[in-house]
């Protein structure tokens, strides 16, 4: 099993979810996060004054999936998050040794 994690722009979340639904992904976890990368934040105007925004709002998506479709999950996220602009985000994959569904005690593939 694999855990596919992505940090992307919030505006891309709905398109990513639609793409993952088409793949048959049964669920994902989404959280609001803030951070910075190469863009190092930005400046916005608030009440006529420039305000430095050091951390940019993003969403983190975690998808626990079978190894066999992990690359398709990555491709779907990248295709739907890509704008070609700085700040599009990152996607990475982690190997997962074991999963347990707390409610039923199901393990591994049955717990997905």
C-alpha atoms as a PDB file:
ATOM      1  CA  UNK A   1       0.000   0.000   0.000  1.00  0.00           C
ATOM      2  CA  UNK A   2       1.002   3.590  -0.576  1.00  0.00           C
ATOM      3  CA  UNK A   3       0.158   6.928   0.969  1.00  0.00           C
ATOM      4  CA  UNK A   4       0.043   9.634  -1.685  1.00  0.00           C
ATOM      5  CA  UNK A   5       0.380  13.082  -0.140  1.00  0.00           C
ATOM      6  CA  UNK A   6      -0.052  16.353  -2.003  1.00  0.00           C
ATOM      7  CA  UNK A   7       0.224  20.004  -1.041  1.00  0.00           C
ATOM      8  CA  UNK A   8      -1.673  22.046  -3.643  1.00  0.00           C
ATOM      9  CA  UNK A   9      -3.573  25.276  -4.190  1.00  0.00           C
ATOM     10  CA  UNK A  10      -7.061  25.215  -2.610  1.00  0.00           C
ATOM     11  CA  UNK A  11      -8.721  26.150  -5.911  1.00  0.00           C
ATOM     12  CA  UNK A  12      -7.659  22.813  -7.426  1.00  0.00           C
ATOM     13  CA  UNK A  13      -9.272  20.611  -4.777  1.00  0.00           C
ATOM     14  CA  UNK A  14     -12.608  20.002  -6.537  1.00  0.00           C
ATOM     15  CA  UNK A  15     -10.957  19.043  -9.835  1.00  0.00           C
ATOM     16  CA  UNK A  16      -8.595  16.687  -8.012  1.00  0.00           C
ATOM     17  CA  UNK A  17     -11.484  15.047  -6.179  1.00  0.00           C
ATOM     18  CA  UNK A  18     -13.409  14.567  -9.421  1.00  0.00           C
ATOM     19  CA  UNK A  19     -10.368  12.953 -11.037  1.00  0.00           C
ATOM     20  CA  UNK A  20      -9.792  10.656  -8.069  1.00  0.00           C
ATOM     21  CA  UNK A  21     -13.477   9.675  -8.056  1.00  0.00           C
ATOM     22  CA  UNK A  22     -13.098   8.606 -11.699  1.00  0.00           C
ATOM     23  CA  UNK A  23     -10.183   6.373 -10.667  1.00  0.00           C
ATOM     24  CA  UNK A  24     -12.351   4.685  -8.069  1.00  0.00           C
ATOM     25  CA  UNK A  25     -10.563   6.174  -5.069  1.00  0.00           C
ATOM     26  CA  UNK A  26     -12.948   5.671  -2.149  1.00  0.00           C
ATOM     27  CA  UNK A  27     -11.723   8.441   0.104  1.00  0.00           C
ATOM     28  CA  UNK A  28      -9.148  11.033   0.945  1.00  0.00           C
ATOM     29  CA  UNK A  29      -8.225  13.237   3.849  1.00  0.00           C
ATOM     30  CA  UNK A  30      -7.991  16.980   3.284  1.00  0.00           C
ATOM     31  CA  UNK A  31      -6.618  19.629   5.606  1.00  0.00           C
ATOM     32  CA  UNK A  32      -5.893  23.319   5.366  1.00  0.00           C
ATOM     33  CA  UNK A  33      -2.188  24.053   5.753  1.00  0.00           C
ATOM     34  CA  UNK A  34       0.117  27.040   5.362  1.00  0.00           C
ATOM     35  CA  UNK A  35       3.699  27.132   4.243  1.00  0.00           C
ATOM     36  CA  UNK A  36       6.224  28.522   1.854  1.00  0.00           C
ATOM     37  CA  UNK A  37       8.494  27.239  -0.849  1.00  0.00           C
ATOM     38  CA  UNK A  38      10.349  28.961  -3.620  1.00  0.00           C
ATOM     39  CA  UNK A  39       7.744  31.709  -3.829  1.00  0.00           C
ATOM     40  CA  UNK A  40       8.584  32.803  -0.232  1.00  0.00           C
ATOM     41  CA  UNK A  41       5.129  34.245   0.371  1.00  0.00           C
ATOM     42  CA  UNK A  42       3.812  37.413  -1.229  1.00  0.00           C
ATOM     43  CA  UNK A  43       2.562  40.928  -0.499  1.00  0.00           C
ATOM     44  CA  UNK A  44      -1.103  41.931  -0.482  1.00  0.00           C
ATOM     45  CA  UNK A  45      -2.723  45.329  -0.060  1.00  0.00           C
ATOM     46  CA  UNK A  46      -4.940  45.696   3.014  1.00  0.00           C
ATOM     47  CA  UNK A  47      -6.600  49.069   3.692  1.00  0.00           C
ATOM     48  CA  UNK A  48      -4.127  50.764   1.407  1.00  0.00           C
ATOM     49  CA  UNK A  49      -1.010  49.302   2.999  1.00  0.00           C
ATOM     50  CA  UNK A  50       1.206  46.487   1.779  1.00  0.00           C
ATOM     51  CA  UNK A  51       1.019  43.459   4.045  1.00  0.00           C
ATOM     52  CA  UNK A  52       3.582  40.676   3.814  1.00  0.00           C
ATOM     53  CA  UNK A  53       2.077  37.183   3.698  1.00  0.00           C
ATOM     54  CA  UNK A  54       4.907  34.894   4.792  1.00  0.00           C
ATOM     55  CA  UNK A  55       2.956  31.639   4.631  1.00  0.00           C
ATOM     56  CA  UNK A  56       0.748  30.747   1.683  1.00  0.00           C
ATOM     57  CA  UNK A  57      -2.568  28.916   2.204  1.00  0.00           C
ATOM     58  CA  UNK A  58      -2.601  25.433   0.653  1.00  0.00           C
ATOM     59  CA  UNK A  59      -4.482  22.188   1.108  1.00  0.00           C
ATOM     60  CA  UNK A  60      -2.918  18.870   2.027  1.00  0.00           C
ATOM     61  CA  UNK A  61      -4.452  15.775   0.490  1.00  0.00           C
ATOM     62  CA  UNK A  62      -3.697  12.267   1.759  1.00  0.00           C
ATOM     63  CA  UNK A  63      -4.849   9.267  -0.267  1.00  0.00           C
ATOM     64  CA  UNK A  64      -4.225   5.758   1.043  1.00  0.00           C
ATOM     65  CA  UNK A  65      -4.251   3.395  -1.929  1.00  0.00           C
ATOM     66  CA  UNK A  66      -3.181   0.075  -3.339  1.00  0.00           C
ATOM     67  CA  UNK A  67       0.335   0.096  -4.758  1.00  0.00           C
ATOM     68  CA  UNK A  68      -1.047  -0.884  -8.172  1.00  0.00           C
ATOM     69  CA  UNK A  69      -2.826   2.456  -8.705  1.00  0.00           C
ATOM     70  CA  UNK A  70      -0.559   4.805  -6.740  1.00  0.00           C
ATOM     71  CA  UNK A  71       1.106   6.193  -9.870  1.00  0.00           C
ATOM     72  CA  UNK A  72      -2.318   6.860 -11.436  1.00  0.00           C
ATOM     73  CA  UNK A  73      -3.308   8.739  -8.284  1.00  0.00           C
ATOM     74  CA  UNK A  74      -0.135  10.852  -8.540  1.00  0.00           C
ATOM     75  CA  UNK A  75      -0.754  11.548 -12.230  1.00  0.00           C
ATOM     76  CA  UNK A  76      -4.368  12.555 -11.576  1.00  0.00           C
ATOM     77  CA  UNK A  77      -3.356  14.968  -8.821  1.00  0.00           C
ATOM     78  CA  UNK A  78      -0.556  16.506 -10.900  1.00  0.00           C
ATOM     79  CA  UNK A  79      -2.740  16.918 -13.995  1.00  0.00           C
ATOM     80  CA  UNK A  80      -5.500  18.637 -12.021  1.00  0.00           C
ATOM     81  CA  UNK A  81      -3.218  20.823  -9.872  1.00  0.00           C
ATOM     82  CA  UNK A  82      -0.902  21.994 -12.655  1.00  0.00           C
ATOM     83  CA  UNK A  83      -1.120  25.618 -13.784  1.00  0.00           C
ATOM     84  CA  UNK A  84       2.532  26.118 -14.662  1.00  0.00           C
ATOM     85  CA  UNK A  85       2.844  28.851 -12.048  1.00  0.00           C
ATOM     86  CA  UNK A  86       5.074  28.969  -8.988  1.00  0.00           C
ATOM     87  CA  UNK A  87       3.215  27.477  -6.035  1.00  0.00           C
ATOM     88  CA  UNK A  88       1.394  24.656  -7.847  1.00  0.00           C
ATOM     89  CA  UNK A  89       2.557  22.334  -5.068  1.00  0.00           C
ATOM     90  CA  UNK A  90       4.225  18.992  -4.519  1.00  0.00           C
ATOM     91  CA  UNK A  91       3.214  15.329  -4.460  1.00  0.00           C
ATOM     92  CA  UNK A  92       5.082  12.489  -2.765  1.00  0.00           C
ATOM     93  CA  UNK A  93       4.504   8.802  -2.115  1.00  0.00           C
ATOM     94  CA  UNK A  94       5.236   6.880   1.076  1.00  0.00           C
ATOM     95  CA  UNK A  95       5.161   3.112   1.566  1.00  0.00           C
ATOM     96  CA  UNK A  96       2.641   1.979   4.190  1.00  0.00           C
ATOM     97  CA  UNK A  97       3.312  -1.281   6.026  1.00  0.00           C
ATOM     98  CA  UNK A  98      -0.051  -1.777   7.697  1.00  0.00           C
ATOM     99  CA  UNK A  99      -3.504  -0.217   8.022  1.00  0.00           C
ATOM    100  CA  UNK A 100      -6.288  -1.038  10.483  1.00  0.00           C
ATOM    101  CA  UNK A 101      -9.866   0.230  10.225  1.00  0.00           C
ATOM    102  CA  UNK A 102     -10.625   1.071  13.846  1.00  0.00           C
ATOM    103  CA  UNK A 103     -14.383   0.427  13.660  1.00  0.00           C
ATOM    104  CA  UNK A 104     -14.190  -3.115  12.252  1.00  0.00           C
ATOM    105  CA  UNK A 105     -10.638  -4.268  12.850  1.00  0.00           C
ATOM    106  CA  UNK A 106     -10.200  -4.899   9.114  1.00  0.00           C
ATOM    107  CA  UNK A 107      -6.586  -4.769   8.010  1.00  0.00           C
ATOM    108  CA  UNK A 108      -4.584  -3.674   5.009  1.00  0.00           C
ATOM    109  CA  UNK A 109      -6.453  -3.865   1.659  1.00  0.00           C
ATOM    110  CA  UNK A 110      -9.778  -4.578   3.364  1.00  0.00           C
ATOM    111  CA  UNK A 111      -9.336  -1.434   5.461  1.00  0.00           C
ATOM    112  CA  UNK A 112      -9.043   0.904   2.479  1.00  0.00           C
END
